[in-house]
Amino acid sequence: MIKRIVDFFGDEKYVNQRRRLFYLVLVVVVVADFLVHREHAQYLWDRLPGWSAAYGFGSCVLLIFVSKFLGHQGGLMRREDYYD
């Protein structure tokens, strides 16, 4: 069972299936957000359907870009032969 899962996520021939699965999960998360009751929301943006999914996606993308910037431009990343 584990071998099949590792092959699914690591093999190039399953790229289209992985992409479809990813989009299906995104749609399910956004649709599930429409089913949440929002009568106790404190802020305006908490009442917007799909806000949690958009905020989570935006935060993830921002985190990736900031870490890439710090690694490449901030001098945190070193060459492969740094210790040689």
C-alpha atoms as a PDB file:
ATOM      1  CA  MET A   1       0.000   0.000   0.000  1.00  0.00           C
ATOM      2  CA  ILE A   2       2.766   2.487   0.943  1.00  0.00           C
ATOM      3  CA  LYS A   3       4.691   1.627  -2.230  1.00  0.00           C
ATOM      4  CA  ARG A   4       1.661   2.515  -4.348  1.00  0.00           C
ATOM      5  CA  ILE A   5       1.282   5.859  -2.548  1.00  0.00           C
ATOM      6  CA  VAL A   6       4.988   6.681  -2.935  1.00  0.00           C
ATOM      7  CA  ASP A   7       4.858   5.713  -6.613  1.00  0.00           C
ATOM      8  CA  PHE A   8       1.779   7.881  -7.125  1.00  0.00           C
ATOM      9  CA  PHE A   9       3.470  10.989  -5.723  1.00  0.00           C
ATOM     10  CA  GLY A  10       6.937  10.309  -7.116  1.00  0.00           C
ATOM     11  CA  ASP A  11       6.380   8.947 -10.612  1.00  0.00           C
ATOM     12  CA  GLU A  12       6.076  11.228 -13.636  1.00  0.00           C
ATOM     13  CA  LYS A  13       3.354   9.161 -15.293  1.00  0.00           C
ATOM     14  CA  TYR A  14       0.835  10.202 -12.616  1.00  0.00           C
ATOM     15  CA  VAL A  15       1.258  13.963 -13.099  1.00  0.00           C
ATOM     16  CA  ASN A  16      -2.210  14.519 -14.592  1.00  0.00           C
ATOM     17  CA  GLN A  17      -3.907  12.436 -11.911  1.00  0.00           C
ATOM     18  CA  ARG A  18      -2.089  14.318  -9.149  1.00  0.00           C
ATOM     19  CA  ARG A  19      -3.099  17.644 -10.688  1.00  0.00           C
ATOM     20  CA  ARG A  20      -6.754  16.574 -10.892  1.00  0.00           C
ATOM     21  CA  LEU A  21      -6.634  15.384  -7.290  1.00  0.00           C
ATOM     22  CA  PHE A  22      -5.123  18.720  -6.206  1.00  0.00           C
ATOM     23  CA  TYR A  23      -7.858  20.719  -7.965  1.00  0.00           C
ATOM     24  CA  LEU A  24     -10.553  18.452  -6.524  1.00  0.00           C
ATOM     25  CA  VAL A  25      -9.248  19.035  -2.992  1.00  0.00           C
ATOM     26  CA  LEU A  26      -9.188  22.805  -3.597  1.00  0.00           C
ATOM     27  CA  VAL A  27     -12.806  22.765  -4.788  1.00  0.00           C
ATOM     28  CA  VAL A  28     -13.881  20.655  -1.801  1.00  0.00           C
ATOM     29  CA  VAL A  29     -12.215  23.063   0.642  1.00  0.00           C
ATOM     30  CA  VAL A  30     -13.880  26.110  -0.920  1.00  0.00           C
ATOM     31  CA  VAL A  31     -17.294  24.408  -1.086  1.00  0.00           C
ATOM     32  CA  ALA A  32     -16.962  23.271   2.540  1.00  0.00           C
ATOM     33  CA  ASP A  33     -16.302  26.875   3.528  1.00  0.00           C
ATOM     34  CA  PHE A  34     -19.721  27.841   2.128  1.00  0.00           C
ATOM     35  CA  LEU A  35     -21.364  25.395   4.570  1.00  0.00           C
ATOM     36  CA  VAL A  36     -19.940  27.001   7.717  1.00  0.00           C
ATOM     37  CA  HIS A  37     -22.304  29.138   9.807  1.00  0.00           C
ATOM     38  CA  ARG A  38     -20.949  32.626  10.312  1.00  0.00           C
ATOM     39  CA  GLU A  39     -23.247  34.266  12.827  1.00  0.00           C
ATOM     40  CA  HIS A  40     -20.444  34.593  15.411  1.00  0.00           C
ATOM     41  CA  ALA A  41     -17.846  36.121  13.090  1.00  0.00           C
ATOM     42  CA  GLN A  42     -16.211  39.200  14.584  1.00  0.00           C
ATOM     43  CA  TYR A  43     -14.751  40.785  11.458  1.00  0.00           C
ATOM     44  CA  LEU A  44     -16.206  41.550   8.044  1.00  0.00           C
ATOM     45  CA  TRP A  45     -13.762  39.330   6.158  1.00  0.00           C
ATOM     46  CA  ASP A  46     -14.645  36.363   8.392  1.00  0.00           C
ATOM     47  CA  ARG A  47     -18.152  36.479   6.937  1.00  0.00           C
ATOM     48  CA  LEU A  48     -16.937  36.128   3.328  1.00  0.00           C
ATOM     49  CA  PRO A  49     -17.299  32.606   1.936  1.00  0.00           C
ATOM     50  CA  GLY A  50     -13.983  31.239   0.721  1.00  0.00           C
ATOM     51  CA  TRP A  51     -11.946  33.721   2.778  1.00  0.00           C
ATOM     52  CA  SER A  52     -10.216  31.034   4.835  1.00  0.00           C
ATOM     53  CA  ALA A  53      -9.088  29.145   1.743  1.00  0.00           C
ATOM     54  CA  ALA A  54      -7.868  32.306   0.000  1.00  0.00           C
ATOM     55  CA  TYR A  55      -6.084  33.539   3.137  1.00  0.00           C
ATOM     56  CA  GLY A  56      -4.380  30.169   3.654  1.00  0.00           C
ATOM     57  CA  PHE A  57      -3.276  29.970   0.021  1.00  0.00           C
ATOM     58  CA  GLY A  58      -1.992  33.542   0.018  1.00  0.00           C
ATOM     59  CA  SER A  59      -0.109  32.997   3.277  1.00  0.00           C
ATOM     60  CA  CYS A  60       1.530  29.864   1.907  1.00  0.00           C
ATOM     61  CA  VAL A  61       2.618  31.604  -1.305  1.00  0.00           C
ATOM     62  CA  LEU A  62       3.946  34.584   0.660  1.00  0.00           C
ATOM     63  CA  LEU A  63       5.894  32.285   2.977  1.00  0.00           C
ATOM     64  CA  ILE A  64       7.499  30.522   0.005  1.00  0.00           C
ATOM     65  CA  PHE A  65       8.507  33.788  -1.688  1.00  0.00           C
ATOM     66  CA  VAL A  66       9.911  35.291   1.497  1.00  0.00           C
ATOM     67  CA  SER A  67      11.955  32.170   2.253  1.00  0.00           C
ATOM     68  CA  LYS A  68      13.286  32.063  -1.327  1.00  0.00           C
ATOM     69  CA  PHE A  69      14.225  35.745  -1.109  1.00  0.00           C
ATOM     70  CA  LEU A  70      16.000  35.259   2.217  1.00  0.00           C
ATOM     71  CA  GLY A  71      17.807  32.214   0.915  1.00  0.00           C
ATOM     72  CA  HIS A  72      19.030  33.703  -2.356  1.00  0.00           C
ATOM     73  CA  GLN A  73      19.263  37.454  -1.741  1.00  0.00           C
ATOM     74  CA  GLY A  74      19.722  37.448   2.029  1.00  0.00           C
ATOM     75  CA  GLY A  75      22.797  35.233   1.920  1.00  0.00           C
ATOM     76  CA  LEU A  76      21.393  32.346   3.944  1.00  0.00           C
ATOM     77  CA  MET A  77      21.875  29.799   1.173  1.00  0.00           C
ATOM     78  CA  ARG A  78      25.383  28.514   0.439  1.00  0.00           C
ATOM     79  CA  ARG A  79      26.931  26.816  -2.599  1.00  0.00           C
ATOM     80  CA  GLU A  80      27.148  23.031  -2.721  1.00  0.00           C
ATOM     81  CA  ASP A  81      30.926  23.034  -2.298  1.00  0.00           C
ATOM     82  CA  TYR A  82      30.896  25.533   0.603  1.00  0.00           C
ATOM     83  CA  TYR A  83      32.567  23.134   3.054  1.00  0.00           C
ATOM     84  CA  ASP A  84      35.126  21.710   0.579  1.00  0.00           C
END
